[in-house]
């Protein structure tokens, strides 16, 4: 348990920040799943539209340092490869 006022405040802030970051990570996962679902549907035009929206989301979350920039690049690369492989 935090003993000082400063430590108590930091503990309160950590709870808030953790909730915010968790929701952002959830948004990231949802965006990735949306692209995967669009690719599985087989419509390349629709999938590329969803991909562009998801890239924006992935970059935004990486800029906030919720995920590492290399992880963001890896997700984008794999999604782009899957989209390209769609015949």
PDB file of N, CA and C in Angstrom:
ATOM      1  N   UNK A   1       0.851  -1.187   0.000  1.00  0.00           N
ATOM      2  CA  UNK A   1       0.000   0.000   0.000  1.00  0.00           C
ATOM      3  C   UNK A   1       0.890   1.242   0.000  1.00  0.00           C
ATOM      4  N   UNK A   2       0.476   2.233  -0.764  1.00  0.00           N
ATOM      5  CA  UNK A   2       1.241   3.472  -0.853  1.00  0.00           C
ATOM      6  C   UNK A   2       1.160   4.230   0.470  1.00  0.00           C
ATOM      7  N   UNK A   3       2.306   4.761   0.903  1.00  0.00           N
ATOM      8  CA  UNK A   3       2.359   5.447   2.193  1.00  0.00           C
ATOM      9  C   UNK A   3       2.272   6.962   2.071  1.00  0.00           C
ATOM     10  N   UNK A   4       2.834   7.506   1.030  1.00  0.00           N
ATOM     11  CA  UNK A   4       2.842   8.968   0.899  1.00  0.00           C
ATOM     12  C   UNK A   4       1.710   9.417  -0.012  1.00  0.00           C
ATOM     13  N   UNK A   5       1.393  10.688   0.080  1.00  0.00           N
ATOM     14  CA  UNK A   5       0.337  11.245  -0.765  1.00  0.00           C
ATOM     15  C   UNK A   5       0.724  11.123  -2.235  1.00  0.00           C
ATOM     16  N   UNK A   6       1.998  11.351  -2.513  1.00  0.00           N
ATOM     17  CA  UNK A   6       2.480  11.258  -3.892  1.00  0.00           C
ATOM     18  C   UNK A   6       2.303   9.834  -4.423  1.00  0.00           C
ATOM     19  N   UNK A   7       2.651   8.849  -3.611  1.00  0.00           N
ATOM     20  CA  UNK A   7       2.543   7.456  -4.048  1.00  0.00           C
ATOM     21  C   UNK A   7       1.084   7.055  -4.228  1.00  0.00           C
ATOM     22  N   UNK A   8       0.201   7.570  -3.361  1.00  0.00           N
ATOM     23  CA  UNK A   8      -1.232   7.273  -3.505  1.00  0.00           C
ATOM     24  C   UNK A   8      -1.756   7.857  -4.812  1.00  0.00           C
ATOM     25  N   UNK A   9      -1.342   9.083  -5.114  1.00  0.00           N
ATOM     26  CA  UNK A   9      -1.794   9.722  -6.347  1.00  0.00           C
ATOM     27  C   UNK A   9      -1.271   8.953  -7.570  1.00  0.00           C
ATOM     28  N   UNK A  10       0.004   8.556  -7.539  1.00  0.00           N
ATOM     29  CA  UNK A  10       0.565   7.807  -8.659  1.00  0.00           C
ATOM     30  C   UNK A  10      -0.179   6.478  -8.850  1.00  0.00           C
ATOM     31  N   UNK A  11      -0.581   5.855  -7.748  1.00  0.00           N
ATOM     32  CA  UNK A  11      -1.335   4.601  -7.838  1.00  0.00           C
ATOM     33  C   UNK A  11      -2.689   4.845  -8.492  1.00  0.00           C
ATOM     34  N   UNK A  12      -3.345   5.948  -8.139  1.00  0.00           N
ATOM     35  CA  UNK A  12      -4.633   6.290  -8.764  1.00  0.00           C
ATOM     36  C   UNK A  12      -4.447   6.546 -10.254  1.00  0.00           C
ATOM     37  N   UNK A  13      -3.397   7.284 -10.592  1.00  0.00           N
ATOM     38  CA  UNK A  13      -3.143   7.594 -11.999  1.00  0.00           C
ATOM     39  C   UNK A  13      -2.815   6.331 -12.789  1.00  0.00           C
ATOM     40  N   UNK A  14      -2.089   5.411 -12.164  1.00  0.00           N
ATOM     41  CA  UNK A  14      -1.710   4.175 -12.847  1.00  0.00           C
ATOM     42  C   UNK A  14      -2.944   3.356 -13.204  1.00  0.00           C
ATOM     43  N   UNK A  15      -3.934   3.351 -12.315  1.00  0.00           N
ATOM     44  CA  UNK A  15      -5.171   2.615 -12.589  1.00  0.00           C
ATOM     45  C   UNK A  15      -5.889   3.216 -13.789  1.00  0.00           C
ATOM     46  N   UNK A  16      -5.977   4.545 -13.828  1.00  0.00           N
ATOM     47  CA  UNK A  16      -6.637   5.228 -14.944  1.00  0.00           C
ATOM     48  C   UNK A  16      -5.899   4.983 -16.256  1.00  0.00           C
ATOM     49  N   UNK A  17      -4.576   5.120 -16.215  1.00  0.00           N
ATOM     50  CA  UNK A  17      -3.770   4.961 -17.423  1.00  0.00           C
ATOM     51  C   UNK A  17      -3.833   3.533 -17.941  1.00  0.00           C
ATOM     52  N   UNK A  18      -3.847   2.569 -17.022  1.00  0.00           N
ATOM     53  CA  UNK A  18      -3.932   1.164 -17.406  1.00  0.00           C
ATOM     54  C   UNK A  18      -5.251   0.900 -18.125  1.00  0.00           C
ATOM     55  N   UNK A  19      -6.340   1.454 -17.618  1.00  0.00           N
ATOM     56  CA  UNK A  19      -7.648   1.270 -18.256  1.00  0.00           C
ATOM     57  C   UNK A  19      -7.652   1.883 -19.656  1.00  0.00           C
ATOM     58  N   UNK A  20      -7.063   3.063 -19.787  1.00  0.00           N
ATOM     59  CA  UNK A  20      -7.008   3.737 -21.092  1.00  0.00           C
ATOM     60  C   UNK A  20      -6.181   2.930 -22.082  1.00  0.00           C
ATOM     61  N   UNK A  21      -4.988   2.482 -21.648  1.00  0.00           N
ATOM     62  CA  UNK A  21      -4.120   1.712 -22.535  1.00  0.00           C
ATOM     63  C   UNK A  21      -4.762   0.390 -22.931  1.00  0.00           C
ATOM     64  N   UNK A  22      -5.480  -0.234 -21.998  1.00  0.00           N
ATOM     65  CA  UNK A  22      -6.153  -1.496 -22.307  1.00  0.00           C
ATOM     66  C   UNK A  22      -7.201  -1.295 -23.383  1.00  0.00           C
ATOM     67  N   UNK A  23      -7.949  -0.209 -23.304  1.00  0.00           N
ATOM     68  CA  UNK A  23      -8.970   0.050 -24.315  1.00  0.00           C
ATOM     69  C   UNK A  23      -8.328   0.337 -25.673  1.00  0.00           C
ATOM     70  N   UNK A  24      -7.181   1.004 -25.669  1.00  0.00           N
ATOM     71  CA  UNK A  24      -6.475   1.275 -26.913  1.00  0.00           C
ATOM     72  C   UNK A  24      -5.963  -0.016 -27.545  1.00  0.00           C
ATOM     73  N   UNK A  25      -5.422  -0.921 -26.722  1.00  0.00           N
ATOM     74  CA  UNK A  25      -4.959  -2.214 -27.233  1.00  0.00           C
ATOM     75  C   UNK A  25      -6.127  -3.018 -27.800  1.00  0.00           C
ATOM     76  N   UNK A  26      -7.285  -2.916 -27.159  1.00  0.00           N
ATOM     77  CA  UNK A  26      -8.476  -3.595 -27.645  1.00  0.00           C
ATOM     78  C   UNK A  26      -8.879  -3.044 -29.016  1.00  0.00           C
ATOM     79  N   UNK A  27      -8.801  -1.724 -29.175  1.00  0.00           N
ATOM     80  CA  UNK A  27      -9.101  -1.086 -30.461  1.00  0.00           C
ATOM     81  C   UNK A  27      -8.147  -1.605 -31.546  1.00  0.00           C
ATOM     82  N   UNK A  28      -6.883  -1.750 -31.178  1.00  0.00           N
ATOM     83  CA  UNK A  28      -5.877  -2.275 -32.109  1.00  0.00           C
ATOM     84  C   UNK A  28      -6.247  -3.677 -32.563  1.00  0.00           C
ATOM     85  N   UNK A  29      -6.569  -4.537 -31.611  1.00  0.00           N
ATOM     86  CA  UNK A  29      -6.905  -5.927 -31.943  1.00  0.00           C
ATOM     87  C   UNK A  29      -8.151  -5.990 -32.823  1.00  0.00           C
ATOM     88  N   UNK A  30      -9.121  -5.136 -32.523  1.00  0.00           N
ATOM     89  CA  UNK A  30     -10.345  -5.097 -33.318  1.00  0.00           C
ATOM     90  C   UNK A  30     -10.049  -4.677 -34.752  1.00  0.00           C
ATOM     91  N   UNK A  31      -9.175  -3.690 -34.919  1.00  0.00           N
ATOM     92  CA  UNK A  31      -8.815  -3.214 -36.253  1.00  0.00           C
ATOM     93  C   UNK A  31      -8.134  -4.320 -37.054  1.00  0.00           C
ATOM     94  N   UNK A  32      -7.242  -5.063 -36.403  1.00  0.00           N
ATOM     95  CA  UNK A  32      -6.529  -6.148 -37.080  1.00  0.00           C
ATOM     96  C   UNK A  32      -7.507  -7.250 -37.475  1.00  0.00           C
ATOM     97  N   UNK A  33      -8.419  -7.581 -36.558  1.00  0.00           N
ATOM     98  CA  UNK A  33      -9.413  -8.614 -36.855  1.00  0.00           C
ATOM     99  C   UNK A  33     -10.326  -8.195 -38.002  1.00  0.00           C
ATOM    100  N   UNK A  34     -10.636  -6.914 -38.088  1.00  0.00           N
ATOM    101  CA  UNK A  34     -11.505  -6.425 -39.160  1.00  0.00           C
ATOM    102  C   UNK A  34     -10.850  -6.644 -40.517  1.00  0.00           C
ATOM    103  N   UNK A  35      -9.549  -6.398 -40.595  1.00  0.00           N
ATOM    104  CA  UNK A  35      -8.840  -6.607 -41.860  1.00  0.00           C
ATOM    105  C   UNK A  35      -8.806  -8.095 -42.194  1.00  0.00           C
ATOM    106  N   UNK A  36      -8.492  -8.925 -41.206  1.00  0.00           N
ATOM    107  CA  UNK A  36      -8.453 -10.377 -41.424  1.00  0.00           C
ATOM    108  C   UNK A  36      -9.807 -10.884 -41.922  1.00  0.00           C
ATOM    109  N   UNK A  37     -10.876 -10.378 -41.318  1.00  0.00           N
ATOM    110  CA  UNK A  37     -12.225 -10.794 -41.708  1.00  0.00           C
ATOM    111  C   UNK A  37     -12.534 -10.361 -43.138  1.00  0.00           C
ATOM    112  N   UNK A  38     -12.139  -9.149 -43.502  1.00  0.00           N
ATOM    113  CA  UNK A  38     -12.366  -8.652 -44.858  1.00  0.00           C
ATOM    114  C   UNK A  38     -11.567  -9.457 -45.874  1.00  0.00           C
ATOM    115  N   UNK A  39     -10.341  -9.847 -45.514  1.00  0.00           N
ATOM    116  CA  UNK A  39      -9.515 -10.648 -46.413  1.00  0.00           C
ATOM    117  C   UNK A  39     -10.138 -12.034 -46.590  1.00  0.00           C
ATOM    118  N   UNK A  40     -10.618 -12.605 -45.486  1.00  0.00           N
ATOM    119  CA  UNK A  40     -11.251 -13.926 -45.564  1.00  0.00           C
ATOM    120  C   UNK A  40     -12.518 -13.891 -46.410  1.00  0.00           C
ATOM    121  N   UNK A  41     -13.213 -12.752 -46.430  1.00  0.00           N
ATOM    122  CA  UNK A  41     -14.421 -12.618 -47.241  1.00  0.00           C
ATOM    123  C   UNK A  41     -14.085 -12.658 -48.733  1.00  0.00           C
ATOM    124  N   UNK A  42     -12.866 -12.265 -49.092  1.00  0.00           N
ATOM    125  CA  UNK A  42     -12.414 -12.400 -50.468  1.00  0.00           C
ATOM    126  C   UNK A  42     -12.586 -11.168 -51.342  1.00  0.00           C
ATOM    127  N   UNK A  43     -13.159 -10.099 -50.813  1.00  0.00           N
ATOM    128  CA  UNK A  43     -13.359  -8.881 -51.605  1.00  0.00           C
ATOM    129  C   UNK A  43     -12.150  -7.964 -51.424  1.00  0.00           C
ATOM    130  N   UNK A  44     -11.316  -7.888 -52.460  1.00  0.00           N
ATOM    131  CA  UNK A  44     -10.054  -7.147 -52.343  1.00  0.00           C
ATOM    132  C   UNK A  44     -10.278  -5.644 -52.167  1.00  0.00           C
ATOM    133  N   UNK A  45     -11.268  -5.090 -52.861  1.00  0.00           N
ATOM    134  CA  UNK A  45     -11.521  -3.646 -52.760  1.00  0.00           C
ATOM    135  C   UNK A  45     -11.965  -3.267 -51.348  1.00  0.00           C
ATOM    136  N   UNK A  46     -12.885  -4.034 -50.794  1.00  0.00           N
ATOM    137  CA  UNK A  46     -13.362  -3.753 -49.433  1.00  0.00           C
ATOM    138  C   UNK A  46     -12.248  -3.982 -48.415  1.00  0.00           C
ATOM    139  N   UNK A  47     -11.471  -5.034 -48.639  1.00  0.00           N
ATOM    140  CA  UNK A  47     -10.380  -5.344 -47.711  1.00  0.00           C
ATOM    141  C   UNK A  47      -9.333  -4.240 -47.708  1.00  0.00           C
ATOM    142  N   UNK A  48      -9.041  -3.661 -48.870  1.00  0.00           N
ATOM    143  CA  UNK A  48      -8.036  -2.600 -48.902  1.00  0.00           C
ATOM    144  C   UNK A  48      -8.547  -1.332 -48.231  1.00  0.00           C
ATOM    145  N   UNK A  49      -9.846  -1.069 -48.296  1.00  0.00           N
ATOM    146  CA  UNK A  49     -10.418   0.080 -47.583  1.00  0.00           C
ATOM    147  C   UNK A  49     -10.288  -0.118 -46.070  1.00  0.00           C
ATOM    148  N   UNK A  50     -10.620  -1.311 -45.603  1.00  0.00           N
ATOM    149  CA  UNK A  50     -10.511  -1.620 -44.171  1.00  0.00           C
ATOM    150  C   UNK A  50      -9.052  -1.582 -43.743  1.00  0.00           C
ATOM    151  N   UNK A  51      -8.161  -2.052 -44.622  1.00  0.00           N
ATOM    152  CA  UNK A  51      -6.726  -2.045 -44.318  1.00  0.00           C
ATOM    153  C   UNK A  51      -6.225  -0.624 -44.094  1.00  0.00           C
ATOM    154  N   UNK A  52      -6.623   0.302 -44.961  1.00  0.00           N
ATOM    155  CA  UNK A  52      -6.174   1.693 -44.811  1.00  0.00           C
ATOM    156  C   UNK A  52      -6.640   2.296 -43.489  1.00  0.00           C
ATOM    157  N   UNK A  53      -7.874   2.009 -43.109  1.00  0.00           N
ATOM    158  CA  UNK A  53      -8.385   2.511 -41.824  1.00  0.00           C
ATOM    159  C   UNK A  53      -7.619   1.885 -40.663  1.00  0.00           C
ATOM    160  N   UNK A  54      -7.303   0.613 -40.792  1.00  0.00           N
ATOM    161  CA  UNK A  54      -6.596  -0.091 -39.717  1.00  0.00           C
ATOM    162  C   UNK A  54      -5.160   0.397 -39.582  1.00  0.00           C
ATOM    163  N   UNK A  55      -4.513   0.719 -40.702  1.00  0.00           N
ATOM    164  CA  UNK A  55      -3.138   1.233 -40.655  1.00  0.00           C
ATOM    165  C   UNK A  55      -3.110   2.538 -39.873  1.00  0.00           C
ATOM    166  N   UNK A  56      -4.113   3.357 -40.092  1.00  0.00           N
ATOM    167  CA  UNK A  56      -4.208   4.615 -39.356  1.00  0.00           C
ATOM    168  C   UNK A  56      -4.321   4.354 -37.856  1.00  0.00           C
ATOM    169  N   UNK A  57      -5.156   3.403 -37.483  1.00  0.00           N
ATOM    170  CA  UNK A  57      -5.335   3.046 -36.074  1.00  0.00           C
ATOM    171  C   UNK A  57      -4.045   2.491 -35.486  1.00  0.00           C
ATOM    172  N   UNK A  58      -3.397   1.594 -36.217  1.00  0.00           N
ATOM    173  CA  UNK A  58      -2.152   0.986 -35.733  1.00  0.00           C
ATOM    174  C   UNK A  58      -1.081   2.055 -35.520  1.00  0.00           C
ATOM    175  N   UNK A  59      -0.941   2.972 -36.488  1.00  0.00           N
ATOM    176  CA  UNK A  59       0.061   4.033 -36.361  1.00  0.00           C
ATOM    177  C   UNK A  59      -0.240   4.949 -35.182  1.00  0.00           C
ATOM    178  N   UNK A  60      -1.503   5.269 -34.996  1.00  0.00           N
ATOM    179  CA  UNK A  60      -1.895   6.163 -33.897  1.00  0.00           C
ATOM    180  C   UNK A  60      -1.544   5.539 -32.545  1.00  0.00           C
ATOM    181  N   UNK A  61      -1.806   4.257 -32.402  1.00  0.00           N
ATOM    182  CA  UNK A  61      -1.521   3.577 -31.142  1.00  0.00           C
ATOM    183  C   UNK A  61      -0.014   3.438 -30.927  1.00  0.00           C
ATOM    184  N   UNK A  62       0.735   3.229 -32.004  1.00  0.00           N
ATOM    185  CA  UNK A  62       2.197   3.148 -31.887  1.00  0.00           C
ATOM    186  C   UNK A  62       2.782   4.511 -31.523  1.00  0.00           C
ATOM    187  N   UNK A  63       2.217   5.584 -32.068  1.00  0.00           N
ATOM    188  CA  UNK A  63       2.696   6.929 -31.749  1.00  0.00           C
ATOM    189  C   UNK A  63       2.519   7.256 -30.275  1.00  0.00           C
ATOM    190  N   UNK A  64       1.486   6.684 -29.674  1.00  0.00           N
ATOM    191  CA  UNK A  64       1.233   6.912 -28.249  1.00  0.00           C
ATOM    192  C   UNK A  64       2.053   5.980 -27.371  1.00  0.00           C
ATOM    193  N   UNK A  65       2.894   5.143 -28.023  1.00  0.00           N
ATOM    194  CA  UNK A  65       3.787   4.204 -27.335  1.00  0.00           C
ATOM    195  C   UNK A  65       3.034   3.161 -26.523  1.00  0.00           C
ATOM    196  N   UNK A  66       1.821   2.823 -26.961  1.00  0.00           N
ATOM    197  CA  UNK A  66       1.081   1.746 -26.314  1.00  0.00           C
ATOM    198  C   UNK A  66       1.616   0.411 -26.818  1.00  0.00           C
ATOM    199  N   UNK A  67       2.023   0.374 -28.092  1.00  0.00           N
ATOM    200  CA  UNK A  67       2.780  -0.753 -28.619  1.00  0.00           C
ATOM    201  C   UNK A  67       4.044  -0.188 -29.254  1.00  0.00           C
ATOM    202  N   UNK A  68       5.044  -1.021 -29.396  1.00  0.00           N
ATOM    203  CA  UNK A  68       6.313  -0.588 -29.982  1.00  0.00           C
ATOM    204  C   UNK A  68       6.147  -0.355 -31.478  1.00  0.00           C
ATOM    205  N   UNK A  69       6.903   0.576 -32.011  1.00  0.00           N
ATOM    206  CA  UNK A  69       6.793   0.903 -33.438  1.00  0.00           C
ATOM    207  C   UNK A  69       7.128  -0.290 -34.322  1.00  0.00           C
ATOM    208  N   UNK A  70       8.038  -1.151 -33.876  1.00  0.00           N
ATOM    209  CA  UNK A  70       8.377  -2.331 -34.678  1.00  0.00           C
ATOM    210  C   UNK A  70       7.222  -3.336 -34.693  1.00  0.00           C
ATOM    211  N   UNK A  71       6.502  -3.425 -33.598  1.00  0.00           N
ATOM    212  CA  UNK A  71       5.336  -4.306 -33.561  1.00  0.00           C
ATOM    213  C   UNK A  71       4.265  -3.779 -34.509  1.00  0.00           C
ATOM    214  N   UNK A  72       4.095  -2.475 -34.536  1.00  0.00           N
ATOM    215  CA  UNK A  72       3.128  -1.864 -35.450  1.00  0.00           C
ATOM    216  C   UNK A  72       3.526  -2.153 -36.895  1.00  0.00           C
ATOM    217  N   UNK A  73       4.807  -2.006 -37.192  1.00  0.00           N
ATOM    218  CA  UNK A  73       5.300  -2.260 -38.546  1.00  0.00           C
ATOM    219  C   UNK A  73       5.093  -3.720 -38.924  1.00  0.00           C
ATOM    220  N   UNK A  74       5.309  -4.615 -37.984  1.00  0.00           N
ATOM    221  CA  UNK A  74       5.131  -6.045 -38.234  1.00  0.00           C
ATOM    222  C   UNK A  74       3.676  -6.367 -38.562  1.00  0.00           C
ATOM    223  N   UNK A  75       2.746  -5.792 -37.778  1.00  0.00           N
ATOM    224  CA  UNK A  75       1.320  -6.014 -38.045  1.00  0.00           C
ATOM    225  C   UNK A  75       0.941  -5.488 -39.432  1.00  0.00           C
ATOM    226  N   UNK A  76       1.380  -4.278 -39.735  1.00  0.00           N
ATOM    227  CA  UNK A  76       1.039  -3.673 -41.027  1.00  0.00           C
ATOM    228  C   UNK A  76       1.614  -4.502 -42.175  1.00  0.00           C
ATOM    229  N   UNK A  77       2.838  -4.971 -42.023  1.00  0.00           N
ATOM    230  CA  UNK A  77       3.495  -5.748 -43.060  1.00  0.00           C
ATOM    231  C   UNK A  77       2.752  -7.055 -43.307  1.00  0.00           C
ATOM    232  N   UNK A  78       2.379  -7.736 -42.248  1.00  0.00           N
ATOM    233  CA  UNK A  78       1.690  -9.022 -42.392  1.00  0.00           C
ATOM    234  C   UNK A  78       0.306  -8.839 -43.002  1.00  0.00           C
ATOM    235  N   UNK A  79      -0.377  -7.785 -42.612  1.00  0.00           N
ATOM    236  CA  UNK A  79      -1.693  -7.518 -43.189  1.00  0.00           C
ATOM    237  C   UNK A  79      -1.563  -7.169 -44.677  1.00  0.00           C
ATOM    238  N   UNK A  80      -0.551  -6.369 -45.014  1.00  0.00           N
ATOM    239  CA  UNK A  80      -0.337  -5.988 -46.411  1.00  0.00           C
ATOM    240  C   UNK A  80       0.000  -7.221 -47.257  1.00  0.00           C
ATOM    241  N   UNK A  81       0.798  -8.124 -46.701  1.00  0.00           N
ATOM    242  CA  UNK A  81       1.160  -9.344 -47.429  1.00  0.00           C
ATOM    243  C   UNK A  81      -0.072 -10.213 -47.655  1.00  0.00           C
ATOM    244  N   UNK A  82      -0.918 -10.305 -46.641  1.00  0.00           N
ATOM    245  CA  UNK A  82      -2.140 -11.105 -46.774  1.00  0.00           C
ATOM    246  C   UNK A  82      -3.069 -10.483 -47.805  1.00  0.00           C
ATOM    247  N   UNK A  83      -3.119  -9.159 -47.813  1.00  0.00           N
ATOM    248  CA  UNK A  83      -3.965  -8.444 -48.781  1.00  0.00           C
ATOM    249  C   UNK A  83      -3.432  -8.642 -50.205  1.00  0.00           C
ATOM    250  N   UNK A  84      -2.122  -8.590 -50.341  1.00  0.00           N
ATOM    251  CA  UNK A  84      -1.496  -8.773 -51.651  1.00  0.00           C
ATOM    252  C   UNK A  84      -1.708 -10.192 -52.174  1.00  0.00           C
ATOM    253  N   UNK A  85      -1.703 -11.159 -51.260  1.00  0.00           N
ATOM    254  CA  UNK A  85      -1.872 -12.564 -51.648  1.00  0.00           C
ATOM    255  C   UNK A  85      -3.296 -12.870 -52.076  1.00  0.00           C
ATOM    256  N   UNK A  86      -4.218 -11.976 -51.735  1.00  0.00           N
ATOM    257  CA  UNK A  86      -5.619 -12.180 -52.113  1.00  0.00           C
ATOM    258  C   UNK A  86      -5.746 -12.091 -53.636  1.00  0.00           C
ATOM    259  N   UNK A  87      -6.241 -13.138 -54.244  1.00  0.00           N
ATOM    260  CA  UNK A  87      -6.299 -13.181 -55.702  1.00  0.00           C
ATOM    261  C   UNK A  87      -7.494 -12.433 -56.251  1.00  0.00           C
TER     262      UNK A  87
END
